[in-house]
N, C-alpha and C. Protein backbone atom coordinates (compact mmCIF):
# COMPACT_ATOMS: atom_id res chain seq x y z
N MET A 1 237.80 -28.23 79.96
CA MET A 1 237.63 -28.91 79.22
C MET A 1 235.82 -29.12 79.11
N THR A 2 235.64 -29.12 77.72
CA THR A 2 234.26 -29.19 77.53
C THR A 2 233.52 -30.38 77.60
N GLY A 3 232.31 -30.56 77.86
CA GLY A 3 231.85 -31.96 77.69
C GLY A 3 232.04 -32.67 76.24
N ARG A 4 231.97 -31.78 75.14
CA ARG A 4 232.28 -32.31 73.85
C ARG A 4 233.55 -32.80 73.84
N GLU A 5 234.49 -31.89 74.14
CA GLU A 5 235.95 -32.38 74.06
C GLU A 5 236.06 -33.67 74.95
N PHE A 6 235.53 -33.78 75.74
CA PHE A 6 235.72 -35.06 77.06
C PHE A 6 235.14 -36.44 76.07
N LYS A 7 234.01 -36.13 75.44
CA LYS A 7 233.44 -37.22 74.70
C LYS A 7 234.30 -37.49 73.73
N ASP A 8 234.80 -36.68 72.75
CA ASP A 8 235.86 -36.71 71.55
C ASP A 8 236.90 -37.38 71.82
N LEU A 9 237.45 -37.13 73.12
CA LEU A 9 238.75 -37.78 73.66
C LEU A 9 238.46 -39.23 74.06
N THR A 10 237.53 -39.49 74.84
CA THR A 10 237.27 -40.82 75.15
C THR A 10 236.99 -41.77 74.17
N PHE A 11 235.91 -41.23 73.22
CA PHE A 11 235.45 -41.89 72.19
C PHE A 11 236.74 -42.45 71.32
N GLU A 12 237.57 -41.48 71.10
CA GLU A 12 238.51 -41.57 70.22
C GLU A 12 239.54 -42.96 70.64
N GLN A 13 239.86 -42.92 72.09
CA GLN A 13 240.39 -44.07 72.37
C GLN A 13 239.79 -45.42 72.53
N PHE A 14 238.27 -45.51 72.53
CA PHE A 14 237.56 -46.40 72.41
C PHE A 14 237.92 -47.06 70.90
N ALA A 15 237.68 -46.21 69.92
CA ALA A 15 237.89 -46.33 68.51
C ALA A 15 239.24 -46.85 68.32
N LYS A 16 240.32 -46.50 68.99
CA LYS A 16 241.61 -47.14 68.94
C LYS A 16 241.68 -48.54 69.25
N ILE A 17 241.14 -48.86 70.57
CA ILE A 17 240.88 -50.37 70.77
C ILE A 17 240.26 -51.01 69.74
N ALA A 18 239.14 -50.42 69.23
CA ALA A 18 238.30 -51.34 68.37
C ALA A 18 239.07 -51.45 67.13
N ASN A 19 239.83 -50.58 66.48
CA ASN A 19 240.74 -50.59 65.45
C ASN A 19 241.76 -51.40 65.60
N ALA A 20 242.43 -51.97 66.77
CA ALA A 20 243.35 -52.96 66.98
C ALA A 20 242.57 -54.23 66.96
N PHE A 21 241.25 -54.45 67.08
CA PHE A 21 240.81 -55.74 67.18
C PHE A 21 240.05 -55.67 65.49
N SER A 22 240.21 -54.85 64.71
CA SER A 22 239.69 -54.86 63.43
C SER A 22 240.34 -55.60 62.32
N SER A 23 241.71 -56.42 62.56
CA SER A 23 242.34 -57.15 61.82
C SER A 23 242.10 -58.65 61.90
N PRO A 24 241.77 -59.56 61.03
CA PRO A 24 241.62 -61.07 61.37
C PRO A 24 243.03 -61.49 61.55
N LYS A 25 244.03 -61.15 61.21
CA LYS A 25 245.33 -61.63 61.74
C LYS A 25 245.56 -61.14 63.19
N ARG A 26 245.35 -60.02 63.40
CA ARG A 26 245.45 -59.48 65.20
C ARG A 26 244.43 -60.23 65.80
N LEU A 27 243.32 -60.85 65.33
CA LEU A 27 242.52 -61.58 66.29
C LEU A 27 243.02 -62.80 66.66
N GLU A 28 243.71 -63.21 65.43
CA GLU A 28 244.39 -64.77 65.53
C GLU A 28 245.48 -64.74 66.63
N ILE A 29 246.24 -63.51 66.76
CA ILE A 29 247.26 -63.36 67.53
C ILE A 29 246.78 -63.49 68.94
N ILE A 30 245.62 -62.69 69.18
CA ILE A 30 244.97 -62.71 70.51
C ILE A 30 244.58 -64.12 70.83
N ASP A 31 243.84 -64.77 69.98
CA ASP A 31 243.35 -65.97 70.38
C ASP A 31 244.74 -66.91 70.56
N ILE A 32 245.74 -66.85 69.85
CA ILE A 32 246.83 -67.60 70.39
C ILE A 32 247.61 -67.46 71.51
N LEU A 33 247.52 -65.85 71.79
CA LEU A 33 248.29 -65.61 73.06
C LEU A 33 247.30 -65.97 74.22
N SER A 34 245.98 -65.97 74.21
CA SER A 34 245.29 -66.19 75.20
C SER A 34 245.42 -67.78 75.80
N GLN A 35 246.07 -68.51 74.92
CA GLN A 35 246.91 -69.96 75.29
C GLN A 35 248.23 -69.73 76.29
N GLY A 36 248.65 -68.66 76.05
CA GLY A 36 250.22 -68.49 76.69
C GLY A 36 250.98 -67.76 75.85
N GLU A 37 251.95 -67.18 76.42
CA GLU A 37 253.09 -66.09 75.64
C GLU A 37 253.94 -66.96 74.57
N ARG A 38 254.14 -66.16 73.57
CA ARG A 38 254.73 -66.57 72.22
C ARG A 38 255.86 -65.62 71.85
N ASP A 39 256.79 -65.90 71.39
CA ASP A 39 257.73 -65.00 70.44
C ASP A 39 257.05 -64.79 68.93
N VAL A 40 257.62 -63.72 68.46
CA VAL A 40 257.15 -63.21 67.05
C VAL A 40 257.69 -64.29 65.83
N VAL A 41 258.49 -65.08 66.33
CA VAL A 41 258.80 -66.34 65.25
C VAL A 41 257.84 -67.22 65.39
N THR A 42 257.36 -67.63 66.43
CA THR A 42 256.16 -68.59 66.72
C THR A 42 255.04 -68.23 66.16
N LEU A 43 254.55 -66.88 66.13
CA LEU A 43 253.39 -66.33 66.03
C LEU A 43 253.12 -66.23 64.45
N ALA A 44 254.54 -65.74 63.89
CA ALA A 44 254.43 -65.76 62.37
C ALA A 44 254.34 -66.89 61.64
N LYS A 45 254.67 -67.92 62.39
CA LYS A 45 254.56 -69.39 61.68
C LYS A 45 253.17 -69.95 61.87
N GLU A 46 252.74 -69.55 62.98
CA GLU A 46 251.38 -70.27 63.32
C GLU A 46 250.08 -69.47 62.46
N THR A 47 250.49 -68.21 62.29
CA THR A 47 249.34 -67.41 61.70
C THR A 47 249.64 -67.20 60.15
N MET A 48 250.74 -67.87 59.67
CA MET A 48 251.15 -68.07 58.47
C MET A 48 251.37 -66.47 57.86
N MET A 49 252.20 -65.73 58.56
CA MET A 49 252.63 -64.49 58.11
C MET A 49 254.09 -64.46 57.93
N ASN A 50 254.76 -63.43 57.36
CA ASN A 50 256.15 -63.48 57.29
C ASN A 50 256.31 -62.43 58.55
N PHE A 51 257.79 -62.51 58.92
CA PHE A 51 258.31 -61.93 60.44
C PHE A 51 257.79 -60.39 60.21
N ALA A 52 257.91 -59.53 59.23
CA ALA A 52 257.51 -58.37 59.24
C ALA A 52 256.15 -57.96 59.38
N ASN A 53 255.23 -58.76 58.75
CA ASN A 53 254.06 -58.39 59.14
C ASN A 53 253.50 -58.77 60.30
N ALA A 54 254.02 -59.91 60.95
CA ALA A 54 253.63 -60.32 62.45
C ALA A 54 254.23 -59.10 63.32
N SER A 55 255.32 -58.83 62.88
CA SER A 55 255.59 -57.69 63.96
C SER A 55 254.74 -56.45 63.79
N ARG A 56 254.52 -56.06 62.69
CA ARG A 56 253.68 -54.72 62.46
C ARG A 56 252.53 -55.00 63.35
N HIS A 57 251.79 -56.17 63.41
CA HIS A 57 250.56 -56.37 63.80
C HIS A 57 250.92 -56.31 65.13
N LEU A 58 251.90 -56.89 65.82
CA LEU A 58 252.28 -56.89 67.24
C LEU A 58 252.52 -55.58 67.65
N GLN A 59 253.10 -54.74 66.95
CA GLN A 59 253.36 -53.21 67.46
C GLN A 59 252.02 -52.55 67.50
N ILE A 60 251.13 -52.69 66.61
CA ILE A 60 249.60 -52.34 66.90
C ILE A 60 249.16 -52.57 68.19
N LEU A 61 249.08 -53.95 68.56
CA LEU A 61 248.45 -54.40 69.60
C LEU A 61 248.99 -53.84 70.74
N ARG A 62 250.52 -53.67 70.93
CA ARG A 62 251.36 -52.92 71.88
C ARG A 62 250.81 -51.69 72.19
N ASN A 63 250.73 -51.04 70.86
CA ASN A 63 250.26 -49.40 70.97
C ASN A 63 249.05 -49.12 71.61
N SER A 64 248.19 -50.18 71.66
CA SER A 64 246.65 -50.08 71.98
C SER A 64 246.80 -50.80 73.28
N ASN A 65 247.95 -51.10 74.05
CA ASN A 65 247.99 -51.59 75.48
C ASN A 65 247.27 -52.89 75.68
N LEU A 66 247.22 -53.69 74.40
CA LEU A 66 246.32 -55.08 74.73
C LEU A 66 247.37 -55.97 74.61
N ILE A 67 248.60 -55.94 74.30
CA ILE A 67 249.27 -56.92 74.72
C ILE A 67 250.59 -56.32 75.29
N THR A 68 251.36 -57.26 75.96
CA THR A 68 252.65 -56.52 76.52
C THR A 68 253.97 -57.62 76.01
N ALA A 69 255.16 -57.16 76.31
CA ALA A 69 256.33 -57.86 75.68
C ALA A 69 257.30 -57.78 76.64
N ARG A 70 258.21 -58.70 76.89
CA ARG A 70 259.25 -59.12 77.78
C ARG A 70 260.50 -59.84 77.09
N LYS A 71 261.57 -59.10 77.54
CA LYS A 71 262.96 -59.86 77.13
C LYS A 71 263.29 -61.12 77.64
N GLU A 72 263.62 -62.04 76.83
CA GLU A 72 264.13 -63.50 77.32
C GLU A 72 265.35 -63.78 76.47
N GLY A 73 266.40 -63.27 76.97
CA GLY A 73 267.68 -63.57 76.31
C GLY A 73 267.67 -62.46 75.17
N VAL A 74 267.80 -63.12 73.88
CA VAL A 74 267.50 -62.34 72.61
C VAL A 74 266.26 -62.29 72.10
N ARG A 75 265.26 -62.96 72.59
CA ARG A 75 264.03 -63.17 72.23
C ARG A 75 262.97 -62.04 72.83
N VAL A 76 262.19 -61.76 72.45
CA VAL A 76 261.04 -60.91 72.74
C VAL A 76 259.80 -61.75 72.90
N VAL A 77 259.19 -61.77 74.19
CA VAL A 77 258.01 -62.83 74.48
C VAL A 77 256.67 -61.78 74.61
N TYR A 78 255.60 -62.33 73.94
CA TYR A 78 254.52 -61.40 74.15
C TYR A 78 253.32 -62.52 74.91
N SER A 79 252.46 -61.45 75.34
CA SER A 79 251.33 -62.20 76.11
C SER A 79 250.34 -61.12 76.12
N LEU A 80 248.99 -61.54 76.52
CA LEU A 80 247.83 -60.65 76.62
C LEU A 80 248.16 -59.66 77.83
N ALA A 81 247.77 -58.45 77.79
CA ALA A 81 247.94 -57.60 78.87
C ALA A 81 247.16 -57.64 79.98
N ASN A 82 245.93 -58.42 80.09
CA ASN A 82 245.32 -58.62 81.08
C ASN A 82 243.89 -59.54 80.51
N ASN A 83 243.16 -60.14 81.60
CA ASN A 83 242.12 -60.95 81.42
C ASN A 83 240.81 -60.11 80.40
N GLU A 84 240.92 -58.84 80.75
CA GLU A 84 239.82 -58.06 79.94
C GLU A 84 240.12 -58.24 78.35
N VAL A 85 241.39 -58.37 78.08
CA VAL A 85 241.47 -58.35 76.55
C VAL A 85 240.95 -59.90 76.01
N PHE A 86 241.03 -60.80 76.88
CA PHE A 86 240.44 -61.96 76.53
C PHE A 86 238.83 -62.09 76.51
N ASN A 87 238.51 -61.47 77.56
CA ASN A 87 236.91 -61.32 77.75
C ASN A 87 236.33 -60.49 76.71
N CYS A 88 236.89 -59.64 76.15
CA CYS A 88 236.54 -58.64 74.90
C CYS A 88 236.76 -59.48 73.69
N TRP A 89 237.61 -60.45 73.59
CA TRP A 89 237.68 -61.57 72.28
C TRP A 89 236.49 -62.31 72.33
N LYS A 90 236.19 -62.94 73.61
CA LYS A 90 235.17 -63.87 73.54
C LYS A 90 233.77 -63.12 73.54
N GLY A 91 233.55 -61.84 73.92
CA GLY A 91 232.64 -61.34 73.84
C GLY A 91 232.36 -60.86 72.29
N LEU A 92 233.36 -60.67 71.65
CA LEU A 92 233.28 -60.20 70.24
C LEU A 92 232.89 -61.70 69.51
N GLN A 93 233.19 -62.71 69.96
CA GLN A 93 232.84 -64.21 69.43
C GLN A 93 231.28 -64.16 69.63
N SER A 94 230.91 -64.00 70.85
CA SER A 94 229.56 -64.09 71.21
C SER A 94 228.65 -63.32 70.33
N LEU A 95 229.21 -62.09 70.34
CA LEU A 95 228.09 -60.89 69.44
C LEU A 95 227.95 -61.42 67.78
N ALA A 96 229.33 -61.92 67.53
CA ALA A 96 229.15 -62.49 66.17
C ALA A 96 228.37 -63.63 65.72
N GLU A 97 228.40 -64.40 66.68
CA GLU A 97 227.76 -65.64 66.56
C GLU A 97 226.12 -65.24 66.66
N LYS A 98 225.54 -64.29 67.46
CA LYS A 98 224.38 -64.01 67.52
C LYS A 98 223.71 -62.85 66.52
N THR A 99 224.55 -62.24 65.79
CA THR A 99 224.33 -61.45 64.57
C THR A 99 224.78 -61.79 63.22
N THR A 100 225.66 -62.68 63.07
CA THR A 100 226.15 -63.06 61.61
C THR A 100 225.84 -64.28 61.33
N ALA A 101 224.83 -64.38 60.61
CA ALA A 101 224.31 -65.90 60.15
C ALA A 101 225.48 -66.59 59.51
N GLU A 102 226.31 -66.09 58.55
CA GLU A 102 227.48 -66.64 58.03
C GLU A 102 228.48 -67.53 58.80
N ILE A 103 228.52 -67.00 60.07
CA ILE A 103 229.65 -67.59 61.23
C ILE A 103 228.68 -68.94 61.44
N ARG A 104 227.61 -68.91 61.71
CA ARG A 104 226.73 -69.91 62.14
C ARG A 104 226.84 -70.80 61.16
N GLU A 105 226.41 -70.69 59.96
CA GLU A 105 226.57 -71.60 58.81
C GLU A 105 227.81 -72.26 58.70
N VAL A 106 228.79 -71.45 58.49
CA VAL A 106 230.29 -72.05 58.06
C VAL A 106 230.65 -72.70 59.31
N THR A 107 230.51 -72.35 60.50
CA THR A 107 231.00 -73.19 61.31
C THR A 107 230.07 -74.53 61.71
N LYS A 108 228.95 -74.59 61.45
CA LYS A 108 227.86 -75.96 61.35
C LYS A 108 228.79 -76.84 60.34
N LEU A 109 228.69 -76.08 59.05
CA LEU A 109 229.30 -76.92 57.99
C LEU A 109 230.55 -77.53 57.98
N PHE A 110 231.56 -76.66 58.77
CA PHE A 110 232.92 -77.31 59.02
C PHE A 110 232.84 -78.56 59.74
N PHE A 111 232.33 -78.25 60.78
CA PHE A 111 232.16 -79.30 62.08
C PHE A 111 231.45 -80.84 61.46
N GLU A 112 230.44 -80.30 60.82
CA GLU A 112 229.45 -81.56 60.61
C GLU A 112 230.32 -82.29 59.39
N GLU A 113 231.34 -81.67 58.53
CA GLU A 113 232.07 -82.40 57.74
C GLU A 113 232.92 -83.39 58.40
N ARG A 114 233.48 -83.05 59.71
CA ARG A 114 234.54 -83.83 60.06
C ARG A 114 234.17 -84.32 61.68
N LEU A 115 232.82 -84.40 61.89
CA LEU A 115 232.53 -84.99 63.18
C LEU A 115 231.10 -85.62 63.05
N SER A 116 231.15 -87.15 63.69
CA SER A 116 229.71 -87.46 63.60
C SER A 116 229.08 -87.25 64.82
N LEU A 117 229.95 -86.85 65.89
CA LEU A 117 229.43 -86.78 67.53
C LEU A 117 229.53 -85.36 67.82
N GLU A 118 228.49 -84.86 68.35
CA GLU A 118 228.29 -83.59 68.85
C GLU A 118 229.65 -83.19 69.77
N PRO A 119 230.28 -82.11 69.85
CA PRO A 119 231.27 -81.50 70.75
C PRO A 119 230.80 -81.52 72.08
N ILE A 120 231.45 -81.70 73.17
CA ILE A 120 231.10 -81.90 74.33
C ILE A 120 231.72 -80.55 75.18
N SER A 121 230.98 -79.94 76.16
CA SER A 121 231.38 -79.08 76.99
C SER A 121 232.42 -79.36 77.95
N ALA A 122 232.95 -78.40 78.57
CA ALA A 122 233.90 -78.72 79.73
C ALA A 122 233.17 -79.39 80.65
N GLU A 123 232.27 -79.03 81.10
CA GLU A 123 231.35 -79.68 82.44
C GLU A 123 231.01 -81.02 82.03
N GLU A 124 230.62 -81.29 80.66
CA GLU A 124 230.67 -82.87 80.57
C GLU A 124 231.90 -83.59 80.38
N LEU A 125 233.02 -82.88 80.02
CA LEU A 125 234.23 -83.74 79.72
C LEU A 125 234.76 -83.80 81.25
N TRP A 126 234.48 -83.06 82.20
CA TRP A 126 235.05 -83.10 83.81
C TRP A 126 234.35 -84.24 84.22
N LYS A 127 233.16 -84.53 83.96
CA LYS A 127 232.33 -85.79 84.58
C LYS A 127 233.04 -87.18 84.02
N LYS A 128 233.32 -87.11 82.68
CA LYS A 128 233.93 -88.16 81.99
C LYS A 128 235.06 -88.43 82.75
N LEU A 129 235.83 -87.53 82.88
CA LEU A 129 237.16 -87.47 83.36
C LEU A 129 237.30 -88.14 84.88
N GLU A 130 236.24 -87.70 85.44
CA GLU A 130 236.12 -88.26 86.87
C GLU A 130 235.77 -89.55 86.85
N ASN A 131 235.08 -90.11 86.01
CA ASN A 131 234.61 -91.50 85.96
C ASN A 131 235.71 -92.34 85.01
N ASP A 132 236.78 -91.83 84.52
CA ASP A 132 237.70 -92.45 83.88
C ASP A 132 237.15 -92.97 82.60
N GLU A 133 236.29 -92.32 81.89
CA GLU A 133 235.70 -92.87 80.82
C GLU A 133 236.21 -92.55 79.45
N VAL A 134 237.52 -91.58 79.52
CA VAL A 134 237.76 -91.30 78.07
C VAL A 134 239.42 -90.96 78.38
N THR A 135 239.80 -91.18 76.92
CA THR A 135 241.49 -90.65 76.83
C THR A 135 241.38 -89.26 76.27
N LEU A 136 242.02 -88.50 76.81
CA LEU A 136 242.22 -86.87 76.68
C LEU A 136 243.39 -86.68 75.91
N ILE A 137 243.28 -85.95 74.81
CA ILE A 137 244.55 -85.51 74.06
C ILE A 137 244.52 -84.07 73.95
N ASP A 138 245.61 -83.64 73.96
CA ASP A 138 245.79 -82.02 73.64
C ASP A 138 246.46 -82.00 72.47
N VAL A 139 246.00 -81.18 71.27
CA VAL A 139 246.62 -81.16 70.00
C VAL A 139 247.23 -79.91 69.69
N ARG A 140 247.11 -79.14 70.65
CA ARG A 140 247.86 -77.89 70.42
C ARG A 140 249.33 -77.91 70.34
N PRO A 141 250.20 -77.10 69.76
CA PRO A 141 251.50 -76.79 69.81
C PRO A 141 252.09 -77.22 71.25
N LYS A 142 253.28 -77.81 71.30
CA LYS A 142 253.87 -78.31 72.55
C LYS A 142 253.81 -77.03 73.74
N GLU A 143 254.29 -76.04 73.26
CA GLU A 143 254.38 -74.92 74.01
C GLU A 143 253.08 -74.28 74.56
N GLU A 144 252.11 -74.49 74.00
CA GLU A 144 250.80 -74.42 74.68
C GLU A 144 250.34 -75.26 75.87
N PHE A 145 250.74 -76.60 75.55
CA PHE A 145 250.46 -77.63 76.42
C PHE A 145 251.34 -77.38 77.66
N THR A 146 252.51 -76.78 77.58
CA THR A 146 253.52 -76.57 78.62
C THR A 146 252.99 -75.61 79.54
N SER A 147 252.40 -74.49 78.92
CA SER A 147 251.75 -73.35 79.42
C SER A 147 250.43 -73.61 80.40
N GLY A 148 250.12 -74.48 80.09
CA GLY A 148 248.64 -75.31 80.91
C GLY A 148 247.92 -76.11 80.12
N HIS A 149 247.58 -77.16 80.84
CA HIS A 149 246.78 -78.27 80.20
C HIS A 149 245.84 -78.90 80.97
N LEU A 150 244.89 -79.51 80.62
CA LEU A 150 243.69 -80.19 81.16
C LEU A 150 244.32 -81.34 81.90
N PRO A 151 243.64 -81.55 83.09
CA PRO A 151 244.36 -83.00 84.05
C PRO A 151 244.34 -84.23 83.22
N ASN A 152 245.52 -84.98 83.37
CA ASN A 152 245.79 -86.02 82.74
C ASN A 152 245.52 -86.17 81.04
N ALA A 153 245.79 -84.95 80.58
CA ALA A 153 245.73 -84.75 79.26
C ALA A 153 247.11 -85.38 78.27
N ILE A 154 247.31 -86.01 77.34
CA ILE A 154 248.44 -86.46 76.82
C ILE A 154 248.79 -85.51 75.60
N SER A 155 249.71 -84.76 75.44
CA SER A 155 250.29 -83.97 74.46
C SER A 155 250.67 -84.58 73.13
N ILE A 156 249.65 -84.44 72.07
CA ILE A 156 249.89 -84.99 70.84
C ILE A 156 249.57 -83.96 69.89
N PRO A 157 250.37 -82.79 69.64
CA PRO A 157 249.93 -82.12 68.36
C PRO A 157 249.63 -82.52 67.13
N LEU A 158 248.83 -81.84 66.51
CA LEU A 158 248.32 -82.07 65.51
C LEU A 158 249.50 -82.76 64.20
N ASN A 159 250.53 -82.11 64.21
CA ASN A 159 251.49 -82.43 63.30
C ASN A 159 252.29 -83.73 63.71
N SER A 160 251.99 -84.49 64.80
CA SER A 160 252.23 -85.70 65.30
C SER A 160 251.43 -86.79 65.32
N ILE A 161 250.04 -86.47 64.82
CA ILE A 161 249.03 -87.28 65.25
C ILE A 161 249.09 -88.42 64.16
N LYS A 162 249.70 -88.57 63.22
CA LYS A 162 250.03 -89.78 62.46
C LYS A 162 250.90 -90.71 63.16
N ALA A 163 251.95 -90.16 63.38
CA ALA A 163 253.05 -90.82 64.25
C ALA A 163 252.79 -91.54 65.47
N LYS A 164 251.51 -90.95 66.21
CA LYS A 164 251.28 -91.26 67.64
C LYS A 164 250.06 -91.96 67.78
N SER A 165 249.28 -92.07 66.49
CA SER A 165 248.11 -92.48 66.52
C SER A 165 247.91 -94.13 67.17
N ALA A 166 249.06 -94.90 66.81
CA ALA A 166 249.13 -96.10 67.15
C ALA A 166 249.46 -96.43 68.78
N GLU A 167 249.66 -95.47 69.44
CA GLU A 167 249.92 -95.57 70.86
C GLU A 167 248.36 -95.42 71.40
N LEU A 168 247.60 -95.08 70.93
CA LEU A 168 246.36 -94.59 71.48
C LEU A 168 245.55 -95.82 71.64
N SER A 169 244.57 -96.20 72.84
CA SER A 169 243.78 -97.36 73.16
C SER A 169 242.63 -97.22 72.36
N THR A 170 242.05 -98.25 71.88
CA THR A 170 240.82 -98.28 71.37
C THR A 170 239.54 -98.57 72.49
N ASP A 171 240.06 -98.75 73.40
CA ASP A 171 239.09 -99.02 74.52
C ASP A 171 238.34 -98.28 75.35
N LYS A 172 238.78 -96.63 75.11
CA LYS A 172 237.89 -95.94 75.60
C LYS A 172 237.75 -94.76 74.42
N GLU A 173 236.75 -93.83 74.55
CA GLU A 173 236.26 -92.63 73.57
C GLU A 173 237.61 -91.77 73.84
N ILE A 174 238.07 -91.14 72.84
CA ILE A 174 238.96 -90.13 73.01
C ILE A 174 238.31 -88.89 72.65
N VAL A 175 238.92 -88.03 73.61
CA VAL A 175 238.48 -86.51 73.22
C VAL A 175 239.61 -85.63 73.14
N ALA A 176 239.55 -85.00 71.91
CA ALA A 176 240.75 -84.21 71.54
C ALA A 176 240.18 -82.58 71.90
N TYR A 177 241.11 -81.70 72.24
CA TYR A 177 240.77 -80.50 72.70
C TYR A 177 241.99 -79.56 71.88
N CYS A 178 241.53 -78.16 71.58
CA CYS A 178 242.53 -77.27 71.14
C CYS A 178 242.46 -75.96 71.83
N ARG A 179 242.04 -74.83 71.02
CA ARG A 179 242.07 -73.42 71.63
C ARG A 179 240.73 -73.10 71.64
N GLY A 180 239.50 -73.66 71.42
CA GLY A 180 238.23 -73.44 71.63
C GLY A 180 237.37 -73.55 70.43
N PRO A 181 236.17 -73.00 70.10
CA PRO A 181 235.33 -73.48 69.20
C PRO A 181 235.72 -72.93 67.66
N TYR A 182 236.66 -71.96 67.54
CA TYR A 182 237.22 -71.40 66.30
C TYR A 182 238.64 -72.18 65.94
N CYS A 183 238.86 -72.96 66.66
CA CYS A 183 240.20 -73.79 66.26
C CYS A 183 240.15 -74.89 65.39
N VAL A 184 240.92 -75.12 64.65
CA VAL A 184 240.55 -76.27 63.80
C VAL A 184 241.37 -77.49 63.95
N LEU A 185 242.33 -77.51 65.06
CA LEU A 185 243.15 -78.40 65.51
C LEU A 185 242.53 -79.74 65.67
N ALA A 186 241.63 -79.70 66.84
CA ALA A 186 241.02 -80.77 67.31
C ALA A 186 239.78 -81.42 66.33
N ALA A 187 239.20 -80.51 65.37
CA ALA A 187 238.35 -81.20 64.55
C ALA A 187 239.40 -82.14 63.43
N GLU A 188 240.44 -81.69 63.16
CA GLU A 188 241.44 -82.16 61.98
C GLU A 188 241.56 -83.48 62.78
N ALA A 189 242.05 -83.35 63.92
CA ALA A 189 242.55 -84.58 64.83
C ALA A 189 241.69 -85.67 64.84
N ALA A 190 240.31 -85.20 65.24
CA ALA A 190 239.21 -86.12 65.33
C ALA A 190 238.75 -86.91 63.92
N ARG A 191 239.02 -85.90 62.94
CA ARG A 191 238.52 -86.53 61.60
C ARG A 191 239.52 -87.87 61.39
N PHE A 192 240.74 -87.38 61.36
CA PHE A 192 241.90 -88.41 61.04
C PHE A 192 241.82 -89.78 61.91
N LEU A 193 241.63 -89.37 63.27
CA LEU A 193 241.39 -90.70 64.01
C LEU A 193 240.24 -91.56 63.76
N ASN A 194 239.00 -90.79 63.46
CA ASN A 194 237.89 -91.22 63.21
C ASN A 194 237.88 -92.45 62.10
N SER A 195 238.90 -92.06 61.17
CA SER A 195 238.91 -92.44 60.04
C SER A 195 239.73 -93.65 60.23
N LEU A 196 240.60 -93.94 61.36
CA LEU A 196 241.18 -95.27 61.55
C LEU A 196 240.57 -96.27 62.34
N GLY A 197 239.36 -95.65 62.74
CA GLY A 197 238.26 -96.61 63.45
C GLY A 197 238.26 -96.09 65.11
N TYR A 198 238.81 -94.94 65.42
CA TYR A 198 238.93 -94.81 66.78
C TYR A 198 237.39 -93.82 66.94
N LYS A 199 236.92 -93.90 68.17
CA LYS A 199 235.69 -93.18 68.42
C LYS A 199 236.31 -91.75 69.19
N VAL A 200 236.01 -90.66 68.56
CA VAL A 200 236.83 -89.53 68.80
C VAL A 200 235.85 -88.32 68.65
N THR A 201 235.70 -87.55 69.82
CA THR A 201 234.99 -86.26 69.63
C THR A 201 236.05 -85.29 70.35
N ILE A 202 235.31 -83.96 70.34
CA ILE A 202 236.07 -82.91 70.56
C ILE A 202 235.53 -82.11 71.67
N MET A 203 236.22 -81.44 72.46
CA MET A 203 235.74 -80.52 73.41
C MET A 203 235.50 -79.26 72.91
N LYS A 204 234.53 -78.66 73.00
CA LYS A 204 234.02 -77.45 72.24
C LYS A 204 234.57 -76.06 73.04
N ASP A 205 235.02 -76.20 74.26
CA ASP A 205 235.80 -75.16 74.94
C ASP A 205 237.13 -75.18 74.91
N ASP A 206 238.02 -74.46 75.65
CA ASP A 206 239.21 -74.37 75.68
C ASP A 206 239.83 -74.26 77.00
N VAL A 207 241.14 -74.09 77.53
CA VAL A 207 241.64 -74.11 78.83
C VAL A 207 241.18 -72.90 79.62
N ASN A 208 240.87 -72.09 78.90
CA ASN A 208 240.54 -70.67 79.50
C ASN A 208 239.16 -70.89 80.12
N ARG A 209 238.24 -71.59 79.35
CA ARG A 209 237.21 -71.86 79.87
C ARG A 209 237.05 -72.90 81.10
N TRP A 210 238.00 -73.70 80.81
CA TRP A 210 238.11 -74.76 82.12
C TRP A 210 238.63 -74.04 83.29
N HIS A 211 239.62 -72.95 83.17
CA HIS A 211 240.05 -72.41 84.21
C HIS A 211 239.09 -71.43 85.02
N GLN A 212 238.08 -71.07 84.02
CA GLN A 212 237.06 -70.08 84.52
C GLN A 212 235.82 -70.57 85.40
N LEU A 213 235.56 -72.10 84.86
CA LEU A 213 234.99 -72.82 85.86
C LEU A 213 235.37 -73.29 87.17
N GLY A 214 236.92 -73.05 87.22
CA GLY A 214 237.25 -73.35 88.83
C GLY A 214 238.01 -74.72 88.72
N LEU A 215 238.11 -75.32 87.74
CA LEU A 215 238.67 -76.57 87.44
C LEU A 215 240.23 -76.15 87.06
N GLN A 216 240.73 -77.46 87.66
CA GLN A 216 242.17 -77.32 87.81
C GLN A 216 243.12 -77.58 86.13
N LEU A 217 244.19 -76.80 86.33
CA LEU A 217 244.99 -76.82 84.99
C LEU A 217 246.31 -77.49 85.52
N GLU A 218 247.07 -78.20 84.90
CA GLU A 218 248.21 -78.66 84.99
C GLU A 218 249.42 -78.09 84.21
N LYS A 219 250.58 -78.05 84.75
CA LYS A 219 251.80 -77.48 83.88
C LYS A 219 252.81 -78.30 84.13
């Protein structure tokens, strides 16, 4: 094998991985799977795709060894292949934030329209939880809460927020969290609850960041 052949073969494989990341829908699938494993029906619903399109994107991700699949009865359940996939996804976010002004502007506009308070970090939230200063709500789908959630978090999926809002106390600040800085669930929950008179902000990080800091998750 010549040096040229070696470079062509290896860079072809790098390009295959890059191609798997090149679809907005596949990135959204990776983002969801970073919270825990899912089947194709759930992924199709959460990404607003039909079954066939979701299956096609999953096959591309599998062929690139970015996700794995296992049988659970008649269901096929998917998960990220390893932590490097998640790290690559976070690295792509970081690169885009630094090089693409449109992302910064759109993100700023979206959250400014919905929040009067600055999002807090995982570190800041940990201090507030230690001092029993906040009520913490997890507005992700129930499956994600079950896979792993922050200590003392209450599961209130966004589609249940109206029905459950009366059960929340007004005595403490409420912090909502979801999948991280590009997930809209917590922002939408905060906007609704703030309109009812609650004092609500969001955590800008997610359970993966919480875990990376060495903080405990509950299941």
